[in-house]
């Protein structure tokens, strides 16, 4: 009986130890990312980045995303809901982090669609159809063209425009900025330059709310 109690106590102590270790590790990582965000604040919202919402809003959400990322798809309506709920208080800056194989081509499509003022429309279509063009975590742009037909987008023009070397430069710039800011997964959010304490819906809502209260 005593032996079992000792084993249980040891398991509990080990559990507490690992929980504390995880807590301090996360706290340390958050501090490091905060320091990076402060040091490289200009890398968060460069001139070329796509924006949505009121440019005069006092709360800015920066999202590093990958159109082939399933979690990015899940957070997409969450961000849209925030923009609708606070149309004059929140704006979004979208940054590319095409970590999935082949995702750079999907980003190139988005940038080319942007020239037709179709960026957000095409991004919506990408997320809605993600399961058809992402196979085994790999983006397949060829499977997307057929899906895009019938949405009022000039596909031939997109295919031409996406070859522009400036698009490749934008992608590399976003990846470089992401590296400076410690972005290693998608989506990664910054709210008024502050990273999340840990990743999650509740953490994002909490940080957004605290910034709204602080600025309005």
C-alpha atoms as a PDB file:
ATOM      1  CA  UNK A   1       0.000   0.000   0.000  1.00  0.00           C
ATOM      2  CA  UNK A   2       2.781   2.391   0.964  1.00  0.00           C
ATOM      3  CA  UNK A   3       4.635   1.470  -2.214  1.00  0.00           C
ATOM      4  CA  UNK A   4       1.583   2.431  -4.320  1.00  0.00           C
ATOM      5  CA  UNK A   5       1.255   5.704  -2.449  1.00  0.00           C
ATOM      6  CA  UNK A   6       4.915   6.477  -3.088  1.00  0.00           C
ATOM      7  CA  UNK A   7       4.458   5.747  -6.812  1.00  0.00           C
ATOM      8  CA  UNK A   8       1.358   7.959  -6.999  1.00  0.00           C
ATOM      9  CA  UNK A   9       3.136  10.757  -5.148  1.00  0.00           C
ATOM     10  CA  UNK A  10       6.105  10.462  -7.503  1.00  0.00           C
ATOM     11  CA  UNK A  11       3.806  10.659 -10.555  1.00  0.00           C
ATOM     12  CA  UNK A  12       2.054  13.726  -9.133  1.00  0.00           C
ATOM     13  CA  UNK A  13       5.375  15.434  -8.392  1.00  0.00           C
ATOM     14  CA  UNK A  14       6.646  14.658 -11.895  1.00  0.00           C
ATOM     15  CA  UNK A  15       3.442  16.034 -13.355  1.00  0.00           C
ATOM     16  CA  UNK A  16       3.807  19.238 -11.388  1.00  0.00           C
ATOM     17  CA  UNK A  17       7.448  19.497 -12.395  1.00  0.00           C
ATOM     18  CA  UNK A  18       6.664  19.176 -16.103  1.00  0.00           C
ATOM     19  CA  UNK A  19       3.745  21.630 -15.794  1.00  0.00           C
ATOM     20  CA  UNK A  20       6.001  24.200 -14.145  1.00  0.00           C
ATOM     21  CA  UNK A  21       8.724  23.592 -16.715  1.00  0.00           C
ATOM     22  CA  UNK A  22       6.211  24.102 -19.545  1.00  0.00           C
ATOM     23  CA  UNK A  23       4.882  27.272 -17.890  1.00  0.00           C
ATOM     24  CA  UNK A  24       8.326  28.833 -17.502  1.00  0.00           C
ATOM     25  CA  UNK A  25       9.318  27.761 -21.019  1.00  0.00           C
ATOM     26  CA  UNK A  26       6.202  29.390 -22.510  1.00  0.00           C
ATOM     27  CA  UNK A  27       6.777  32.510 -20.424  1.00  0.00           C
ATOM     28  CA  UNK A  28      10.366  32.693 -21.642  1.00  0.00           C
ATOM     29  CA  UNK A  29       9.326  32.198 -25.285  1.00  0.00           C
ATOM     30  CA  UNK A  30       6.690  34.921 -24.956  1.00  0.00           C
ATOM     31  CA  UNK A  31       9.265  37.298 -23.500  1.00  0.00           C
ATOM     32  CA  UNK A  32      11.675  36.549 -26.344  1.00  0.00           C
ATOM     33  CA  UNK A  33       8.970  37.159 -28.948  1.00  0.00           C
ATOM     34  CA  UNK A  34       7.937  40.379 -27.215  1.00  0.00           C
ATOM     35  CA  UNK A  35      11.525  41.576 -27.356  1.00  0.00           C
ATOM     36  CA  UNK A  36      11.746  40.657 -31.033  1.00  0.00           C
ATOM     37  CA  UNK A  37       8.481  42.469 -31.796  1.00  0.00           C
ATOM     38  CA  UNK A  38       9.709  45.602 -30.014  1.00  0.00           C
ATOM     39  CA  UNK A  39      13.094  45.490 -31.714  1.00  0.00           C
ATOM     40  CA  UNK A  40      11.677  44.885 -35.195  1.00  0.00           C
ATOM     41  CA  UNK A  41       8.428  46.858 -34.909  1.00  0.00           C
ATOM     42  CA  UNK A  42       8.883  48.300 -38.402  1.00  0.00           C
ATOM     43  CA  UNK A  43       8.874  44.792 -39.831  1.00  0.00           C
ATOM     44  CA  UNK A  44       5.276  44.220 -38.701  1.00  0.00           C
ATOM     45  CA  UNK A  45       3.448  46.608 -41.023  1.00  0.00           C
ATOM     46  CA  UNK A  46       5.492  47.402 -44.143  1.00  0.00           C
ATOM     47  CA  UNK A  47       4.045  49.566 -46.887  1.00  0.00           C
ATOM     48  CA  UNK A  48       3.447  46.666 -49.307  1.00  0.00           C
ATOM     49  CA  UNK A  49       1.314  44.560 -46.942  1.00  0.00           C
ATOM     50  CA  UNK A  50      -2.365  43.941 -47.692  1.00  0.00           C
ATOM     51  CA  UNK A  51      -4.754  45.690 -45.305  1.00  0.00           C
ATOM     52  CA  UNK A  52      -8.418  45.386 -44.406  1.00  0.00           C
ATOM     53  CA  UNK A  53     -10.526  47.606 -42.170  1.00  0.00           C
ATOM     54  CA  UNK A  54     -10.326  51.241 -41.151  1.00  0.00           C
ATOM     55  CA  UNK A  55      -6.749  52.539 -41.604  1.00  0.00           C
ATOM     56  CA  UNK A  56      -7.432  55.017 -38.770  1.00  0.00           C
ATOM     57  CA  UNK A  57      -8.314  52.237 -36.325  1.00  0.00           C
ATOM     58  CA  UNK A  58      -6.296  52.227 -33.111  1.00  0.00           C
ATOM     59  CA  UNK A  59      -6.094  48.427 -32.881  1.00  0.00           C
ATOM     60  CA  UNK A  60      -4.084  46.641 -35.554  1.00  0.00           C
ATOM     61  CA  UNK A  61      -4.003  42.868 -35.919  1.00  0.00           C
ATOM     62  CA  UNK A  62      -1.062  41.538 -37.910  1.00  0.00           C
ATOM     63  CA  UNK A  63      -1.535  37.973 -39.117  1.00  0.00           C
ATOM     64  CA  UNK A  64       1.204  35.847 -40.666  1.00  0.00           C
ATOM     65  CA  UNK A  65      -0.737  33.218 -42.599  1.00  0.00           C
ATOM     66  CA  UNK A  66      -0.431  30.384 -45.076  1.00  0.00           C
ATOM     67  CA  UNK A  67      -3.439  29.767 -47.382  1.00  0.00           C
ATOM     68  CA  UNK A  68      -2.726  26.018 -47.153  1.00  0.00           C
ATOM     69  CA  UNK A  69      -2.879  26.071 -43.343  1.00  0.00           C
ATOM     70  CA  UNK A  70      -5.976  24.438 -41.834  1.00  0.00           C
ATOM     71  CA  UNK A  71      -5.765  26.482 -38.640  1.00  0.00           C
ATOM     72  CA  UNK A  72      -5.536  29.701 -40.678  1.00  0.00           C
ATOM     73  CA  UNK A  73      -8.778  28.628 -42.354  1.00  0.00           C
ATOM     74  CA  UNK A  74     -10.410  28.184 -38.935  1.00  0.00           C
ATOM     75  CA  UNK A  75      -9.305  31.642 -37.748  1.00  0.00           C
ATOM     76  CA  UNK A  76     -10.280  33.415 -40.979  1.00  0.00           C
ATOM     77  CA  UNK A  77     -13.975  33.868 -40.019  1.00  0.00           C
ATOM     78  CA  UNK A  78     -12.929  34.822 -36.482  1.00  0.00           C
ATOM     79  CA  UNK A  79     -10.885  37.751 -37.790  1.00  0.00           C
ATOM     80  CA  UNK A  80     -13.645  38.731 -40.228  1.00  0.00           C
ATOM     81  CA  UNK A  81     -16.150  38.757 -37.374  1.00  0.00           C
ATOM     82  CA  UNK A  82     -13.901  41.066 -35.354  1.00  0.00           C
ATOM     83  CA  UNK A  83     -13.612  43.452 -38.303  1.00  0.00           C
ATOM     84  CA  UNK A  84     -17.402  43.479 -38.692  1.00  0.00           C
ATOM     85  CA  UNK A  85     -18.007  43.939 -34.974  1.00  0.00           C
ATOM     86  CA  UNK A  86     -15.503  46.792 -34.651  1.00  0.00           C
ATOM     87  CA  UNK A  87     -15.415  48.357 -38.159  1.00  0.00           C
ATOM     88  CA  UNK A  88     -13.917  51.648 -36.962  1.00  0.00           C
ATOM     89  CA  UNK A  89     -11.698  50.290 -34.214  1.00  0.00           C
ATOM     90  CA  UNK A  90      -9.814  47.317 -35.718  1.00  0.00           C
ATOM     91  CA  UNK A  91      -7.848  46.844 -38.898  1.00  0.00           C
ATOM     92  CA  UNK A  92      -5.962  43.836 -40.250  1.00  0.00           C
ATOM     93  CA  UNK A  93      -2.532  43.605 -41.855  1.00  0.00           C
ATOM     94  CA  UNK A  94      -2.016  40.329 -43.721  1.00  0.00           C
ATOM     95  CA  UNK A  95       1.503  38.920 -44.027  1.00  0.00           C
ATOM     96  CA  UNK A  96       2.616  35.817 -45.902  1.00  0.00           C
ATOM     97  CA  UNK A  97       4.238  32.802 -44.302  1.00  0.00           C
ATOM     98  CA  UNK A  98       3.954  30.074 -46.978  1.00  0.00           C
ATOM     99  CA  UNK A  99       5.498  27.242 -44.982  1.00  0.00           C
ATOM    100  CA  UNK A 100       3.645  24.392 -46.731  1.00  0.00           C
ATOM    101  CA  UNK A 101       5.288  22.997 -49.888  1.00  0.00           C
ATOM    102  CA  UNK A 102       3.801  24.686 -52.939  1.00  0.00           C
ATOM    103  CA  UNK A 103       2.135  27.415 -50.909  1.00  0.00           C
ATOM    104  CA  UNK A 104       4.319  30.105 -52.444  1.00  0.00           C
ATOM    105  CA  UNK A 105       2.353  29.584 -55.669  1.00  0.00           C
ATOM    106  CA  UNK A 106      -0.941  30.140 -53.846  1.00  0.00           C
ATOM    107  CA  UNK A 107       0.455  33.350 -52.392  1.00  0.00           C
ATOM    108  CA  UNK A 108       1.539  34.418 -55.876  1.00  0.00           C
ATOM    109  CA  UNK A 109      -2.054  33.852 -57.036  1.00  0.00           C
ATOM    110  CA  UNK A 110      -3.286  36.065 -54.206  1.00  0.00           C
ATOM    111  CA  UNK A 111      -0.863  38.849 -55.089  1.00  0.00           C
ATOM    112  CA  UNK A 112      -1.851  38.636 -58.759  1.00  0.00           C
ATOM    113  CA  UNK A 113      -5.536  38.706 -57.776  1.00  0.00           C
ATOM    114  CA  UNK A 114      -4.771  41.787 -55.715  1.00  0.00           C
ATOM    115  CA  UNK A 115      -4.037  43.642 -58.976  1.00  0.00           C
ATOM    116  CA  UNK A 116      -7.690  43.028 -59.883  1.00  0.00           C
ATOM    117  CA  UNK A 117      -8.888  44.110 -56.414  1.00  0.00           C
ATOM    118  CA  UNK A 118      -9.815  40.462 -55.837  1.00  0.00           C
ATOM    119  CA  UNK A 119      -7.398  39.560 -53.041  1.00  0.00           C
ATOM    120  CA  UNK A 120      -9.947  38.980 -50.276  1.00  0.00           C
ATOM    121  CA  UNK A 121     -12.427  37.310 -52.604  1.00  0.00           C
ATOM    122  CA  UNK A 122      -9.804  34.837 -53.838  1.00  0.00           C
ATOM    123  CA  UNK A 123      -8.558  34.194 -50.297  1.00  0.00           C
ATOM    124  CA  UNK A 124     -12.135  33.340 -49.262  1.00  0.00           C
ATOM    125  CA  UNK A 125     -12.352  30.912 -52.187  1.00  0.00           C
ATOM    126  CA  UNK A 126      -9.020  29.341 -51.242  1.00  0.00           C
ATOM    127  CA  UNK A 127     -10.127  28.656 -47.698  1.00  0.00           C
ATOM    128  CA  UNK A 128     -13.563  27.388 -48.766  1.00  0.00           C
ATOM    129  CA  UNK A 129     -11.982  24.928 -51.213  1.00  0.00           C
ATOM    130  CA  UNK A 130      -8.804  24.159 -49.265  1.00  0.00           C
ATOM    131  CA  UNK A 131      -9.530  20.430 -48.946  1.00  0.00           C
ATOM    132  CA  UNK A 132      -9.531  20.074 -52.744  1.00  0.00           C
ATOM    133  CA  UNK A 133      -6.158  21.657 -53.512  1.00  0.00           C
ATOM    134  CA  UNK A 134      -4.185  20.766 -50.375  1.00  0.00           C
ATOM    135  CA  UNK A 135      -3.107  17.121 -50.573  1.00  0.00           C
ATOM    136  CA  UNK A 136      -1.052  15.607 -47.731  1.00  0.00           C
ATOM    137  CA  UNK A 137      -0.203  19.094 -46.427  1.00  0.00           C
ATOM    138  CA  UNK A 138       1.083  20.147 -49.848  1.00  0.00           C
ATOM    139  CA  UNK A 139      -0.504  22.923 -51.912  1.00  0.00           C
ATOM    140  CA  UNK A 140      -1.326  22.119 -55.532  1.00  0.00           C
ATOM    141  CA  UNK A 141      -2.024  25.307 -57.489  1.00  0.00           C
ATOM    142  CA  UNK A 142      -3.033  23.358 -60.603  1.00  0.00           C
ATOM    143  CA  UNK A 143      -6.048  21.945 -58.755  1.00  0.00           C
ATOM    144  CA  UNK A 144      -7.166  25.450 -57.827  1.00  0.00           C
ATOM    145  CA  UNK A 145      -7.609  26.899 -61.305  1.00  0.00           C
ATOM    146  CA  UNK A 146     -10.734  24.877 -62.046  1.00  0.00           C
ATOM    147  CA  UNK A 147     -12.226  25.931 -58.714  1.00  0.00           C
ATOM    148  CA  UNK A 148     -11.585  29.613 -59.441  1.00  0.00           C
ATOM    149  CA  UNK A 149     -13.550  29.566 -62.696  1.00  0.00           C
ATOM    150  CA  UNK A 150     -16.938  31.246 -62.503  1.00  0.00           C
ATOM    151  CA  UNK A 151     -16.021  33.717 -59.750  1.00  0.00           C
ATOM    152  CA  UNK A 152     -15.585  36.755 -61.967  1.00  0.00           C
ATOM    153  CA  UNK A 153     -11.806  36.664 -61.851  1.00  0.00           C
ATOM    154  CA  UNK A 154      -9.608  37.013 -64.945  1.00  0.00           C
ATOM    155  CA  UNK A 155      -7.636  33.769 -64.569  1.00  0.00           C
ATOM    156  CA  UNK A 156      -5.442  34.341 -67.622  1.00  0.00           C
ATOM    157  CA  UNK A 157      -4.375  37.696 -66.246  1.00  0.00           C
ATOM    158  CA  UNK A 158      -3.632  36.164 -62.843  1.00  0.00           C
ATOM    159  CA  UNK A 159      -1.467  33.496 -64.452  1.00  0.00           C
ATOM    160  CA  UNK A 160       0.478  36.194 -66.272  1.00  0.00           C
ATOM    161  CA  UNK A 161       0.729  38.623 -63.358  1.00  0.00           C
ATOM    162  CA  UNK A 162       1.891  35.988 -60.862  1.00  0.00           C
ATOM    163  CA  UNK A 163       5.121  35.661 -62.852  1.00  0.00           C
ATOM    164  CA  UNK A 164       6.071  39.219 -61.890  1.00  0.00           C
ATOM    165  CA  UNK A 165       9.392  39.149 -60.027  1.00  0.00           C
ATOM    166  CA  UNK A 166       8.038  41.747 -57.579  1.00  0.00           C
ATOM    167  CA  UNK A 167       5.679  39.098 -56.189  1.00  0.00           C
ATOM    168  CA  UNK A 168       8.579  36.785 -55.384  1.00  0.00           C
ATOM    169  CA  UNK A 169      10.294  39.724 -53.679  1.00  0.00           C
ATOM    170  CA  UNK A 170       7.207  40.400 -51.530  1.00  0.00           C
ATOM    171  CA  UNK A 171       7.053  36.748 -50.458  1.00  0.00           C
ATOM    172  CA  UNK A 172      10.737  36.745 -49.525  1.00  0.00           C
ATOM    173  CA  UNK A 173      10.330  40.032 -47.653  1.00  0.00           C
ATOM    174  CA  UNK A 174       7.446  38.624 -45.597  1.00  0.00           C
ATOM    175  CA  UNK A 175       9.378  35.444 -44.832  1.00  0.00           C
ATOM    176  CA  UNK A 176      12.415  37.493 -43.786  1.00  0.00           C
ATOM    177  CA  UNK A 177      10.291  39.731 -41.559  1.00  0.00           C
ATOM    178  CA  UNK A 178       8.639  36.669 -40.076  1.00  0.00           C
ATOM    179  CA  UNK A 179      12.034  35.219 -39.210  1.00  0.00           C
ATOM    180  CA  UNK A 180      13.056  38.463 -37.500  1.00  0.00           C
ATOM    181  CA  UNK A 181       9.839  38.380 -35.480  1.00  0.00           C
ATOM    182  CA  UNK A 182      10.179  34.721 -34.528  1.00  0.00           C
ATOM    183  CA  UNK A 183       7.291  33.477 -36.684  1.00  0.00           C
ATOM    184  CA  UNK A 184       7.673  29.701 -36.957  1.00  0.00           C
ATOM    185  CA  UNK A 185       4.065  28.561 -37.450  1.00  0.00           C
ATOM    186  CA  UNK A 186       0.794  29.794 -38.876  1.00  0.00           C
ATOM    187  CA  UNK A 187      -1.262  31.623 -38.055  1.00  0.00           C
ATOM    188  CA  UNK A 188       0.859  33.916 -35.888  1.00  0.00           C
ATOM    189  CA  UNK A 189      -0.855  37.038 -34.556  1.00  0.00           C
ATOM    190  CA  UNK A 190       0.383  40.347 -33.209  1.00  0.00           C
ATOM    191  CA  UNK A 191      -2.067  42.870 -31.758  1.00  0.00           C
ATOM    192  CA  UNK A 192      -0.692  46.424 -31.657  1.00  0.00           C
ATOM    193  CA  UNK A 193       2.761  44.893 -31.890  1.00  0.00           C
ATOM    194  CA  UNK A 194       2.198  42.407 -29.070  1.00  0.00           C
ATOM    195  CA  UNK A 195       2.380  38.634 -29.639  1.00  0.00           C
ATOM    196  CA  UNK A 196      -0.066  36.250 -27.981  1.00  0.00           C
ATOM    197  CA  UNK A 197       1.019  34.893 -24.589  1.00  0.00           C
ATOM    198  CA  UNK A 198       0.254  31.446 -26.060  1.00  0.00           C
ATOM    199  CA  UNK A 199      -1.637  30.384 -29.144  1.00  0.00           C
ATOM    200  CA  UNK A 200      -5.400  30.038 -29.022  1.00  0.00           C
ATOM    201  CA  UNK A 201      -8.780  31.632 -29.693  1.00  0.00           C
ATOM    202  CA  UNK A 202      -9.218  32.777 -26.086  1.00  0.00           C
ATOM    203  CA  UNK A 203      -5.741  34.310 -25.999  1.00  0.00           C
ATOM    204  CA  UNK A 204      -6.386  36.254 -29.213  1.00  0.00           C
ATOM    205  CA  UNK A 205      -9.768  37.531 -27.992  1.00  0.00           C
ATOM    206  CA  UNK A 206      -8.271  38.531 -24.658  1.00  0.00           C
ATOM    207  CA  UNK A 207      -5.428  40.514 -26.223  1.00  0.00           C
ATOM    208  CA  UNK A 208      -7.752  42.224 -28.715  1.00  0.00           C
ATOM    209  CA  UNK A 209     -10.166  43.162 -25.929  1.00  0.00           C
ATOM    210  CA  UNK A 210      -7.402  44.548 -23.726  1.00  0.00           C
ATOM    211  CA  UNK A 211      -6.144  46.719 -26.598  1.00  0.00           C
ATOM    212  CA  UNK A 212      -9.662  47.948 -27.367  1.00  0.00           C
ATOM    213  CA  UNK A 213     -10.161  48.920 -23.736  1.00  0.00           C
ATOM    214  CA  UNK A 214      -6.770  50.628 -23.611  1.00  0.00           C
ATOM    215  CA  UNK A 215      -7.354  52.670 -26.771  1.00  0.00           C
ATOM    216  CA  UNK A 216     -11.084  53.489 -26.682  1.00  0.00           C
END
